[in-house]
């Protein structure tokens, strides 16, 4: 047996869910490297299973507890790291080491730090020297880079009391009155929302000092060429903890007054069109800013000939022999989700900043396109006699089980397992056949009875089509050619979800038991391998 084939099957082997067990066992006796990999993975899987009940599943953190509680299958090392990334704030130092999170964190932090320092050292932005100490923690503002797309501030959080790293906390369950933002920004910052502060992203950046973390705060552009605003942090949380009980929160009032000058961007109209197998893509504009190379584009959403909707497009870029992926210090903040009168969706993509290069020409690569089929199909499922198979768009899915409880119903659906399957996942909902009578008000309850539930992957595979060589050549974030191939999904219908939309107890009892299964669409990924040369003038 080849080493790669053996390592690809180690998770299933550990889980006891494999046919050629003797073949793998023989290889592990003969190969020391695969044996070491097996021992490491076995230790990690054991850790995840043992600690699955102690994982914080605060909704605001977007954690997927079901992946960790159910049988771990077809995940692999990449999938395990993905699981860990969602729980690292409460994971042990053991898990951080075994899953390779620290290496990932160091590598990604180095990319962000190098991008920031290259700009600052070349006179883009301003260095700052502002700090505040409260409750044994010093928070310092080290610099600002503001342009017409982003406002970035680099902070340093130093724990003066102990060697534990601290990061701004999202914990709204512990502090429900606080906005669900790690940093509160007020002042000369563009804000599209009347009742809440401007949206903020914060990235924890690794430092060698065990009591320090750098925080890159990213928010919208300033409203003035020379702007003033405040950054406020009132809750910090320890990172890489011994257990969930070991998480420590530090409350205080760290408010820093920031001043900065907005740097103009260079915008270039393009207007070039590309045919993506029946979907027209138009590159409208390229914006060269200090924090990003922003691609403004739009695409025809519906492919009439093939009857699918184009959902998203991923780009990369080439300049003077180098390849660039996404910007490590910028993110997409605005996208249209509704097509215009001509059926076009308007989007933006943030690629690696080429501001210091002042490019006159770039090559834009279309790496991936994601699309979904159209056409709902309804299935009258015999819920008392499962499993039951259903057919959709040439694929066969299996409704495996239903568990109806007093407060929630859990449904397991297995995706098509055939070798020639092409889709990534199915989008599924459940429905009651008609409106329920509202005796309380002597009129029908007018909700449609159609609820869309996001399935939680209980079995899946992470597929990476990049080669190690292609990844090494890319400068920036992320991996555009990595995707998840769903094998099984779990759906949970909760009474509490109905309560949030104002449904009375009378109807919760009715709606917690589904009647129809509805498959709304299936998602696909394709790799167009197309590019376009763009002159910037």
Protein backbone atom coordinates (compact mmCIF):
# COMPACT_ATOMS: atom_id res chain seq x y z
CA UNK A 1 0.00 0.00 0.00
CA UNK A 2 1.28 3.50 -0.85
CA UNK A 3 1.84 5.94 2.02
CA UNK A 4 -0.57 8.55 0.62
CA UNK A 5 -3.36 6.00 0.27
CA UNK A 6 -2.76 4.79 3.81
CA UNK A 7 -2.76 8.29 5.33
CA UNK A 8 -5.94 9.24 3.48
CA UNK A 9 -7.71 6.33 5.21
CA UNK A 10 -6.28 6.73 8.72
CA UNK A 11 -9.31 8.56 10.14
CA UNK A 12 -11.67 5.84 8.95
CA UNK A 13 -9.26 3.20 10.27
CA UNK A 14 -9.18 4.86 13.72
CA UNK A 15 -12.96 5.10 13.66
CA UNK A 16 -13.37 1.40 12.74
CA UNK A 17 -15.19 2.28 9.54
CA UNK A 18 -13.08 0.66 6.83
CA UNK A 19 -13.02 -2.54 4.79
CA UNK A 20 -9.31 -3.16 4.05
CA UNK A 21 -8.27 -2.98 7.71
CA UNK A 22 -5.64 -5.73 7.47
CA UNK A 23 -3.89 -3.99 4.55
CA UNK A 24 -3.52 -0.77 6.56
CA UNK A 25 -2.45 -2.64 9.69
CA UNK A 26 0.30 -4.38 7.69
CA UNK A 27 1.52 -1.07 6.22
CA UNK A 28 1.68 0.56 9.67
CA UNK A 29 3.96 -2.23 10.86
CA UNK A 30 6.33 -1.63 7.94
CA UNK A 31 6.32 2.20 7.69
CA UNK A 32 7.54 4.29 10.63
CA UNK A 33 6.36 7.62 9.16
CA UNK A 34 2.77 6.43 8.64
CA UNK A 35 2.81 4.80 12.07
CA UNK A 36 3.81 8.13 13.65
CA UNK A 37 1.04 9.91 11.70
CA UNK A 38 -1.42 7.26 12.91
CA UNK A 39 -0.39 7.70 16.55
CA UNK A 40 -0.71 11.49 16.32
CA UNK A 41 -4.14 11.37 14.67
CA UNK A 42 -5.40 8.74 17.11
CA UNK A 43 -4.41 11.02 19.99
CA UNK A 44 -6.13 14.01 18.39
CA UNK A 45 -9.37 12.15 17.60
CA UNK A 46 -9.44 10.83 21.14
CA UNK A 47 -9.06 14.36 22.46
CA UNK A 48 -11.92 15.68 20.32
CA UNK A 49 -14.25 12.85 21.33
CA UNK A 50 -13.47 13.13 25.04
CA UNK A 51 -13.83 16.91 25.12
CA UNK A 52 -16.78 17.24 22.73
CA UNK A 53 -19.23 17.82 25.59
CA UNK A 54 -17.13 20.67 27.01
CA UNK A 55 -17.05 22.82 23.90
CA UNK A 56 -18.56 26.27 24.05
CA UNK A 57 -21.25 26.44 21.35
CA UNK A 58 -22.18 30.10 21.58
CA UNK A 59 -24.04 30.84 18.33
CA UNK A 60 -22.10 34.06 17.84
CA UNK A 61 -18.92 32.01 17.37
CA UNK A 62 -20.56 29.96 14.60
CA UNK A 63 -19.47 26.71 16.21
CA UNK A 64 -20.68 23.40 14.85
CA UNK A 65 -21.02 21.16 17.88
CA UNK A 66 -22.55 18.29 15.90
CA UNK A 67 -19.38 17.69 13.91
CA UNK A 68 -17.53 17.13 17.14
CA UNK A 69 -20.20 15.13 18.99
CA UNK A 70 -20.99 12.59 16.29
CA UNK A 71 -18.77 9.96 14.79
CA UNK A 72 -15.75 11.55 13.12
CA UNK A 73 -15.57 10.18 9.60
CA UNK A 74 -13.96 11.19 6.30
CA UNK A 75 -12.46 14.36 7.75
CA UNK A 76 -8.69 14.03 7.54
CA UNK A 77 -6.04 16.31 9.03
CA UNK A 78 -7.29 19.41 7.19
CA UNK A 79 -10.79 18.84 8.49
CA UNK A 80 -9.51 18.29 12.02
CA UNK A 81 -7.63 21.57 11.89
CA UNK A 82 -10.81 23.26 10.62
CA UNK A 83 -12.70 21.87 13.62
CA UNK A 84 -9.99 23.09 15.95
CA UNK A 85 -9.98 26.57 14.43
CA UNK A 86 -13.61 26.93 15.49
CA UNK A 87 -12.86 26.02 19.12
CA UNK A 88 -9.27 27.18 19.65
CA UNK A 89 -10.26 29.79 22.23
CA UNK A 90 -11.21 26.97 24.59
CA UNK A 91 -8.84 24.23 23.42
CA UNK A 92 -5.86 22.83 25.29
CA UNK A 93 -2.27 23.54 24.44
CA UNK A 94 -2.03 19.83 23.56
CA UNK A 95 -4.63 20.21 20.80
CA UNK A 96 -2.97 23.37 19.52
CA UNK A 97 0.29 21.50 19.07
CA UNK A 98 -1.15 18.25 17.68
CA UNK A 99 -3.49 19.84 15.16
CA UNK A 100 -0.89 22.22 13.84
CA UNK A 101 -2.90 25.31 14.78
CA UNK A 102 0.09 27.16 16.19
CA UNK A 103 2.01 26.63 12.94
CA UNK A 104 -1.01 27.84 10.95
CA UNK A 105 -1.43 30.84 13.25
CA UNK A 106 2.25 31.74 13.02
CA UNK A 107 2.27 31.46 9.22
CA UNK A 108 -0.88 33.53 8.69
CA UNK A 109 0.29 36.11 11.25
CA UNK A 110 3.61 36.43 9.44
CA UNK A 111 1.82 37.15 6.16
CA UNK A 112 -0.34 39.86 7.80
CA UNK A 113 2.60 41.36 9.70
CA UNK A 114 4.86 41.48 6.64
CA UNK A 115 2.14 43.12 4.54
CA UNK A 116 1.51 45.73 7.24
CA UNK A 117 5.20 46.47 7.88
CA UNK A 118 6.03 46.77 4.19
CA UNK A 119 3.45 49.53 3.86
CA UNK A 120 4.35 51.37 7.07
CA UNK A 121 8.09 51.26 6.41
CA UNK A 122 7.50 52.74 2.95
CA UNK A 123 5.63 55.72 4.37
CA UNK A 124 2.09 54.43 3.77
CA UNK A 125 0.01 55.23 6.84
CA UNK A 126 1.24 56.62 10.15
CA UNK A 127 2.97 55.09 13.14
CA UNK A 128 1.21 55.69 16.48
CA UNK A 129 2.34 55.66 20.08
CA UNK A 130 -0.81 55.66 22.19
CA UNK A 131 -1.55 53.30 25.06
CA UNK A 132 -3.83 52.75 28.05
CA UNK A 133 -3.52 50.48 31.09
CA UNK A 134 -6.48 49.07 33.02
CA UNK A 135 -6.92 46.00 35.22
CA UNK A 136 -3.40 44.70 34.57
CA UNK A 137 -3.58 44.97 30.78
CA UNK A 138 -1.88 47.49 28.51
CA UNK A 139 -3.37 48.12 25.06
CA UNK A 140 -1.29 50.21 22.64
CA UNK A 141 -2.05 51.59 19.18
CA UNK A 142 1.03 51.04 16.99
CA UNK A 143 -0.14 52.46 13.67
CA UNK A 144 -2.94 53.33 11.25
CA UNK A 145 -3.42 52.81 7.51
CA UNK A 146 -6.53 54.50 6.11
CA UNK A 147 -7.61 54.57 2.49
CA UNK A 148 -10.85 54.94 0.55
CA UNK A 149 -11.82 51.30 1.23
CA UNK A 150 -10.56 50.39 4.72
CA UNK A 151 -9.34 51.88 7.97
CA UNK A 152 -6.82 49.61 9.71
CA UNK A 153 -5.35 50.07 13.19
CA UNK A 154 -2.68 47.78 14.65
CA UNK A 155 -3.00 47.23 18.40
CA UNK A 156 -0.78 45.42 20.89
CA UNK A 157 -2.46 43.73 23.87
CA UNK A 158 0.01 43.09 26.70
CA UNK A 159 -0.95 41.09 29.80
CA UNK A 160 1.04 42.68 32.65
CA UNK A 161 -0.07 40.14 35.28
CA UNK A 162 0.69 36.75 33.75
CA UNK A 163 2.02 34.97 30.67
CA UNK A 164 -1.34 34.39 28.99
CA UNK A 165 -2.37 35.85 25.67
CA UNK A 166 -5.54 37.96 25.63
CA UNK A 167 -7.79 38.88 22.71
CA UNK A 168 -10.98 41.00 22.46
CA UNK A 169 -14.01 38.86 23.31
CA UNK A 170 -17.17 38.21 21.32
CA UNK A 171 -18.90 36.60 24.30
CA UNK A 172 -22.38 38.13 24.11
CA UNK A 173 -23.91 35.30 26.15
CA UNK A 174 -21.82 36.41 29.13
CA UNK A 175 -22.43 40.10 28.36
CA UNK A 176 -25.84 40.25 26.56
CA UNK A 177 -26.16 44.05 26.64
CA UNK A 178 -22.94 44.54 24.69
CA UNK A 179 -22.96 44.80 20.86
CA UNK A 180 -21.57 41.58 19.29
CA UNK A 181 -18.37 43.29 18.19
CA UNK A 182 -14.85 42.73 19.59
CA UNK A 183 -13.99 46.43 19.28
CA UNK A 184 -16.40 49.39 19.33
CA UNK A 185 -15.57 52.22 16.92
CA UNK A 186 -17.06 55.72 17.17
CA UNK A 187 -16.23 58.89 15.26
CA UNK A 188 -15.32 59.74 11.67
CA UNK A 189 -15.97 56.24 10.28
CA UNK A 190 -18.50 55.48 7.58
CA UNK A 191 -21.48 53.60 8.98
CA UNK A 192 -24.49 52.23 7.06
CA UNK A 193 -26.41 51.28 10.22
CA UNK A 194 -28.25 53.79 12.39
CA UNK A 195 -28.60 51.87 15.64
CA UNK A 196 -25.28 50.04 15.88
CA UNK A 197 -21.59 51.01 15.71
CA UNK A 198 -19.65 50.51 12.44
CA UNK A 199 -18.85 46.91 11.61
CA UNK A 200 -15.41 45.78 12.76
CA UNK A 201 -13.22 42.79 11.99
CA UNK A 202 -10.33 41.96 14.29
CA UNK A 203 -7.50 39.52 13.62
CA UNK A 204 -5.33 38.13 16.41
CA UNK A 205 -1.69 38.12 15.28
CA UNK A 206 0.86 35.82 16.91
CA UNK A 207 3.91 37.21 18.74
CA UNK A 208 6.75 35.26 20.40
CA UNK A 209 5.94 36.86 23.78
CA UNK A 210 3.48 34.63 25.64
CA UNK A 211 1.82 37.65 27.26
CA UNK A 212 1.33 39.64 24.04
CA UNK A 213 -0.94 39.52 21.01
CA UNK A 214 -1.16 42.01 18.17
CA UNK A 215 -4.67 42.82 16.97
CA UNK A 216 -5.35 44.14 13.47
CA UNK A 217 -8.60 46.10 13.66
CA UNK A 218 -10.33 46.63 10.33
CA UNK A 219 -13.35 48.84 9.73
CA UNK A 220 -14.82 51.04 7.01
CA UNK A 221 -13.24 54.11 5.45
CA UNK A 222 -13.08 57.43 7.27
CA UNK A 223 -15.65 60.09 6.41
CA UNK A 224 -12.99 62.83 6.35
CA UNK A 225 -9.56 63.14 4.73
CA UNK A 226 -8.18 63.77 8.22
CA UNK A 227 -10.33 61.82 10.62
CA UNK A 228 -10.62 61.18 14.35
CA UNK A 229 -12.30 58.24 16.05
CA UNK A 230 -12.11 56.15 19.20
CA UNK A 231 -11.50 52.43 19.64
CA UNK A 232 -13.04 50.92 22.75
CA UNK A 233 -12.43 47.46 24.19
CA UNK A 234 -14.12 46.46 27.44
CA UNK A 235 -13.78 42.66 27.52
CA UNK A 236 -10.73 40.49 26.85
CA UNK A 237 -10.53 36.70 26.82
CA UNK A 238 -7.63 34.29 27.24
CA UNK A 239 -6.46 32.22 24.27
CA UNK A 240 -5.30 28.56 24.21
CA UNK A 241 -6.82 27.51 27.53
CA UNK A 242 -6.38 24.33 29.57
CA UNK A 243 -10.15 23.75 29.48
CA UNK A 244 -13.37 25.70 29.08
CA UNK A 245 -13.34 26.29 32.84
CA UNK A 246 -9.89 27.83 32.47
CA UNK A 247 -11.12 30.65 30.20
CA UNK A 248 -10.50 33.95 31.91
CA UNK A 249 -12.31 37.20 31.10
CA UNK A 250 -10.72 40.53 31.92
CA UNK A 251 -13.05 43.52 32.10
CA UNK A 252 -11.86 47.08 31.83
CA UNK A 253 -12.11 50.28 29.84
CA UNK A 254 -9.49 50.65 27.15
CA UNK A 255 -10.39 53.64 24.97
CA UNK A 256 -7.86 54.99 22.50
CA UNK A 257 -8.30 58.18 20.46
CA UNK A 258 -6.99 57.66 16.94
CA UNK A 259 -6.17 60.23 14.27
CA UNK A 260 -5.24 59.45 10.70
CA UNK A 261 -5.05 60.71 7.13
CA UNK A 262 -6.93 58.98 4.35
CA UNK A 263 -4.74 57.96 1.42
CA UNK A 264 -6.32 58.33 -2.05
CA UNK A 265 -6.76 55.23 -4.19
CA UNK A 266 -6.22 54.87 -7.93
CA UNK A 267 -9.27 53.70 -9.85
CA UNK A 268 -9.19 52.28 -13.39
CA UNK A 269 -12.26 51.62 -15.53
CA UNK A 270 -12.02 48.28 -17.34
CA UNK A 271 -15.31 47.16 -18.89
CA UNK A 272 -14.05 43.80 -20.16
CA UNK A 273 -16.37 40.81 -20.57
CA UNK A 274 -15.69 37.09 -20.17
CA UNK A 275 -18.01 34.22 -21.01
CA UNK A 276 -18.16 31.65 -18.20
CA UNK A 277 -19.88 28.87 -20.09
CA UNK A 278 -23.09 30.82 -20.55
CA UNK A 279 -22.78 33.33 -17.70
CA UNK A 280 -21.46 36.73 -18.73
CA UNK A 281 -18.82 38.21 -16.37
CA UNK A 282 -17.99 41.92 -16.60
CA UNK A 283 -14.91 43.40 -14.91
CA UNK A 284 -16.01 46.98 -14.32
CA UNK A 285 -13.15 48.52 -12.36
CA UNK A 286 -9.84 47.85 -10.63
CA UNK A 287 -9.00 49.95 -7.57
CA UNK A 288 -5.38 50.09 -6.41
CA UNK A 289 -5.44 51.01 -2.71
CA UNK A 290 -2.85 50.61 0.05
CA UNK A 291 -4.81 47.81 1.76
CA UNK A 292 -6.14 45.95 -1.27
CA UNK A 293 -6.40 45.54 -5.01
CA UNK A 294 -10.18 45.69 -5.31
CA UNK A 295 -11.87 44.08 -8.29
CA UNK A 296 -15.36 45.48 -8.93
CA UNK A 297 -17.32 43.12 -11.15
CA UNK A 298 -20.78 41.83 -12.00
CA UNK A 299 -22.08 38.65 -13.53
CA UNK A 300 -25.24 37.30 -15.11
CA UNK A 301 -26.84 35.27 -12.35
CA UNK A 302 -29.04 32.85 -14.27
CA UNK A 303 -27.73 30.47 -16.92
CA UNK A 304 -30.82 29.91 -19.03
CA UNK A 305 -29.37 27.13 -21.17
CA UNK A 306 -28.14 25.00 -18.25
CA UNK A 307 -30.74 26.16 -15.72
CA UNK A 308 -28.53 27.11 -12.82
CA UNK A 309 -27.68 30.22 -10.79
CA UNK A 310 -24.08 31.42 -10.61
CA UNK A 311 -23.44 32.05 -6.89
CA UNK A 312 -19.84 33.27 -6.60
CA UNK A 313 -16.49 33.64 -8.36
CA UNK A 314 -12.95 33.45 -6.94
CA UNK A 315 -10.05 35.34 -8.49
CA UNK A 316 -6.28 35.46 -8.27
CA UNK A 317 -3.90 37.81 -10.02
CA UNK A 318 -0.49 37.87 -11.70
CA UNK A 319 1.96 40.74 -11.91
CA UNK A 320 5.53 40.59 -13.23
CA UNK A 321 5.79 36.83 -12.84
CA UNK A 322 4.35 36.70 -9.31
CA UNK A 323 0.97 35.27 -8.30
CA UNK A 324 -1.28 36.96 -5.77
CA UNK A 325 -4.32 35.68 -3.89
CA UNK A 326 -6.60 37.51 -1.43
CA UNK A 327 -5.51 40.50 0.60
CA UNK A 328 -4.47 39.50 4.14
CA UNK A 329 -5.49 42.90 5.53
CA UNK A 330 -8.80 43.62 3.76
CA UNK A 331 -12.15 41.91 3.37
CA UNK A 332 -15.32 42.19 1.27
CA UNK A 333 -17.81 44.43 3.05
CA UNK A 334 -20.60 44.89 0.52
CA UNK A 335 -22.27 42.64 -2.02
CA UNK A 336 -25.58 42.68 -3.85
CA UNK A 337 -27.68 39.59 -3.26
CA UNK A 338 -30.47 40.66 -5.58
CA UNK A 339 -29.97 40.80 -9.33
CA UNK A 340 -30.59 44.10 -11.13
CA UNK A 341 -33.11 44.62 -13.94
CA UNK A 342 -30.73 42.98 -16.44
CA UNK A 343 -30.19 39.96 -14.18
CA UNK A 344 -26.68 40.95 -13.01
CA UNK A 345 -25.24 40.57 -9.50
CA UNK A 346 -22.70 43.21 -8.42
CA UNK A 347 -19.73 42.08 -6.28
CA UNK A 348 -16.23 43.05 -5.20
CA UNK A 349 -13.13 40.95 -4.55
CA UNK A 350 -10.14 42.02 -2.46
CA UNK A 351 -6.79 40.77 -3.76
CA UNK A 352 -3.28 41.35 -2.48
CA UNK A 353 -2.36 45.08 -2.37
CA UNK A 354 -0.09 46.22 -5.22
CA UNK A 355 -0.12 49.87 -4.17
CA UNK A 356 3.65 50.10 -3.73
CA UNK A 357 4.23 48.55 -7.17
CA UNK A 358 2.01 51.07 -8.98
CA UNK A 359 1.20 48.46 -11.67
CA UNK A 360 0.35 49.42 -15.23
CA UNK A 361 -0.93 45.98 -16.21
CA UNK A 362 -2.15 42.88 -14.37
CA UNK A 363 -3.49 39.48 -15.37
CA UNK A 364 -6.71 38.50 -13.61
CA UNK A 365 -7.36 34.76 -13.25
CA UNK A 366 -10.81 33.26 -12.76
CA UNK A 367 -9.99 30.32 -10.47
CA UNK A 368 -13.37 28.96 -9.44
CA UNK A 369 -17.05 29.50 -9.96
CA UNK A 370 -19.72 28.12 -7.64
CA UNK A 371 -23.25 27.60 -8.88
CA UNK A 372 -26.47 25.90 -7.84
CA UNK A 373 -29.23 24.13 -9.76
CA UNK A 374 -32.74 25.55 -9.91
CA UNK A 375 -36.01 23.78 -9.30
CA UNK A 376 -37.62 22.76 -6.00
CA UNK A 377 -38.89 19.22 -5.57
CA UNK A 378 -41.28 18.11 -2.84
CA UNK A 379 -41.25 14.65 -1.26
CA UNK A 380 -44.04 13.22 0.90
CA UNK A 381 -41.86 11.22 3.30
CA UNK A 382 -43.18 8.30 5.36
CA UNK A 383 -41.39 9.42 8.52
CA UNK A 384 -42.43 6.29 10.43
CA UNK A 385 -40.74 3.94 7.95
CA UNK A 386 -37.19 5.14 7.36
CA UNK A 387 -34.75 4.95 5.67
CA UNK A 388 -36.33 6.25 2.46
CA UNK A 389 -34.55 7.15 -0.76
CA UNK A 390 -35.42 10.14 -2.95
CA UNK A 391 -34.15 11.19 -6.38
CA UNK A 392 -33.17 14.74 -7.32
CA UNK A 393 -31.54 15.88 -10.56
CA UNK A 394 -30.08 12.44 -11.26
CA UNK A 395 -28.73 11.89 -7.74
CA UNK A 396 -30.10 9.68 -4.98
CA UNK A 397 -30.34 10.87 -1.37
CA UNK A 398 -31.36 8.83 1.67
CA UNK A 399 -33.50 10.11 4.53
CA UNK A 400 -31.85 7.91 7.17
CA UNK A 401 -33.54 8.76 10.45
CA UNK A 402 -35.74 11.14 12.41
CA UNK A 403 -35.65 11.71 16.16
CA UNK A 404 -38.66 13.69 17.42
CA UNK A 405 -38.21 15.14 20.90
CA UNK A 406 -40.22 17.50 23.03
CA UNK A 407 -38.10 20.55 22.19
CA UNK A 408 -36.48 19.64 18.88
CA UNK A 409 -36.47 17.21 15.97
CA UNK A 410 -33.27 15.86 14.41
CA UNK A 411 -33.17 14.50 10.87
CA UNK A 412 -30.19 12.76 9.23
CA UNK A 413 -29.94 12.82 5.42
CA UNK A 414 -27.23 11.01 3.47
CA UNK A 415 -26.06 12.56 0.22
CA UNK A 416 -25.52 10.55 -2.97
CA UNK A 417 -22.59 8.15 -2.57
CA UNK A 418 -22.07 7.20 -6.22
CA UNK A 419 -18.57 7.66 -7.69
CA UNK A 420 -19.75 9.87 -10.55
CA UNK A 421 -21.51 12.38 -8.26
CA UNK A 422 -20.59 15.96 -9.24
CA UNK A 423 -22.43 18.21 -6.77
CA UNK A 424 -21.03 19.42 -3.40
CA UNK A 425 -24.15 19.48 -1.20
CA UNK A 426 -27.93 19.64 -1.30
CA UNK A 427 -29.92 22.60 0.05
CA UNK A 428 -32.87 21.19 1.95
CA UNK A 429 -35.89 22.47 3.85
CA UNK A 430 -39.03 20.98 5.42
CA UNK A 431 -42.66 22.04 5.05
CA UNK A 432 -46.17 21.60 6.40
CA UNK A 433 -48.82 21.07 3.74
CA UNK A 434 -51.11 23.96 4.75
CA UNK A 435 -51.56 26.82 7.16
CA UNK A 436 -52.71 25.87 10.63
CA UNK A 437 -55.89 27.23 12.10
CA UNK A 438 -55.29 29.92 14.69
CA UNK A 439 -58.12 29.28 17.16
CA UNK A 440 -56.77 31.93 19.48
CA UNK A 441 -57.63 34.68 16.99
CA UNK A 442 -60.32 32.81 15.04
CA UNK A 443 -58.46 33.10 11.76
CA UNK A 444 -55.84 31.08 9.84
CA UNK A 445 -52.23 31.37 10.90
CA UNK A 446 -50.80 32.98 7.78
CA UNK A 447 -47.20 31.74 7.92
CA UNK A 448 -46.34 29.73 4.80
CA UNK A 449 -45.05 26.81 6.84
CA UNK A 450 -41.82 26.69 4.83
CA UNK A 451 -38.60 26.78 6.89
CA UNK A 452 -35.07 26.67 5.47
CA UNK A 453 -32.59 24.88 7.71
CA UNK A 454 -28.85 24.89 7.26
CA UNK A 455 -27.61 21.33 7.54
CA UNK A 456 -24.65 20.58 9.75
CA UNK A 457 -22.07 18.28 8.18
CA UNK A 458 -21.75 15.04 10.14
CA UNK A 459 -19.63 13.40 7.45
CA UNK A 460 -17.68 15.27 4.82
CA UNK A 461 -14.40 15.49 2.93
CA UNK A 462 -12.21 18.54 2.41
CA UNK A 463 -10.81 18.52 -1.12
CA UNK A 464 -7.85 20.65 -2.16
CA UNK A 465 -7.08 20.90 -5.88
CA UNK A 466 -4.02 23.09 -5.36
CA UNK A 467 -0.57 21.58 -5.54
CA UNK A 468 2.07 22.39 -2.92
CA UNK A 469 4.02 24.19 -5.64
CA UNK A 470 1.07 26.40 -6.66
CA UNK A 471 0.34 27.29 -3.02
CA UNK A 472 3.98 28.26 -2.39
CA UNK A 473 3.89 30.67 -5.34
CA UNK A 474 0.76 32.48 -4.17
CA UNK A 475 1.26 35.64 -2.14
CA UNK A 476 -1.55 36.48 0.28
CA UNK A 477 -4.65 34.59 1.51
CA UNK A 478 -6.54 32.12 1.03
CA UNK A 479 -6.91 28.81 -0.75
CA UNK A 480 -9.45 29.41 -3.54
CA UNK A 481 -9.42 25.78 -4.65
CA UNK A 482 -10.30 24.06 -1.38
CA UNK A 483 -13.89 22.98 -0.90
CA UNK A 484 -16.09 20.72 1.21
CA UNK A 485 -17.77 17.64 -0.27
CA UNK A 486 -20.75 16.82 1.99
CA UNK A 487 -21.54 13.15 2.62
CA UNK A 488 -24.15 13.45 5.36
CA UNK A 489 -26.14 16.33 6.85
CA UNK A 490 -28.00 16.74 10.11
CA UNK A 491 -31.01 19.09 10.36
CA UNK A 492 -32.45 20.30 13.66
CA UNK A 493 -35.94 21.81 13.96
CA UNK A 494 -36.19 23.60 17.31
CA UNK A 495 -39.17 25.07 19.11
CA UNK A 496 -36.93 27.91 20.22
CA UNK A 497 -36.37 28.91 16.57
CA UNK A 498 -40.13 29.24 16.05
CA UNK A 499 -40.42 31.30 19.22
CA UNK A 500 -37.97 33.81 17.76
CA UNK A 501 -40.39 34.54 14.89
CA UNK A 502 -43.34 34.96 17.26
CA UNK A 503 -45.07 31.60 16.80
CA UNK A 504 -47.31 30.61 19.69
CA UNK A 505 -46.95 27.33 21.60
CA UNK A 506 -49.99 25.93 19.78
CA UNK A 507 -48.11 25.93 16.48
CA UNK A 508 -44.71 24.94 17.83
CA UNK A 509 -46.14 21.52 18.68
CA UNK A 510 -47.39 21.15 15.10
CA UNK A 511 -44.39 22.49 13.27
CA UNK A 512 -41.71 20.53 15.12
CA UNK A 513 -42.80 17.45 13.15
CA UNK A 514 -42.18 17.94 9.39
CA UNK A 515 -44.49 16.69 6.67
CA UNK A 516 -42.73 17.33 3.36
CA UNK A 517 -39.03 17.21 2.52
CA UNK A 518 -38.10 19.91 0.01
CA UNK A 519 -34.83 19.85 -1.96
CA UNK A 520 -34.41 23.39 -3.23
CA UNK A 521 -31.10 23.11 -5.08
CA UNK A 522 -27.66 21.49 -5.22
CA UNK A 523 -24.34 23.33 -5.14
CA UNK A 524 -21.46 22.76 -7.56
CA UNK A 525 -17.94 24.04 -8.12
CA UNK A 526 -16.11 24.46 -11.42
CA UNK A 527 -12.61 25.64 -12.40
CA UNK A 528 -12.87 27.80 -15.53
CA UNK A 529 -9.10 28.24 -15.99
CA UNK A 530 -9.64 31.56 -17.71
CA UNK A 531 -7.70 34.81 -17.46
CA UNK A 532 -7.80 38.35 -18.78
CA UNK A 533 -5.04 40.94 -19.25
CA UNK A 534 -5.99 44.35 -17.87
CA UNK A 535 -4.13 47.57 -18.66
CA UNK A 536 -4.39 50.12 -15.87
CA UNK A 537 -4.57 53.53 -17.44
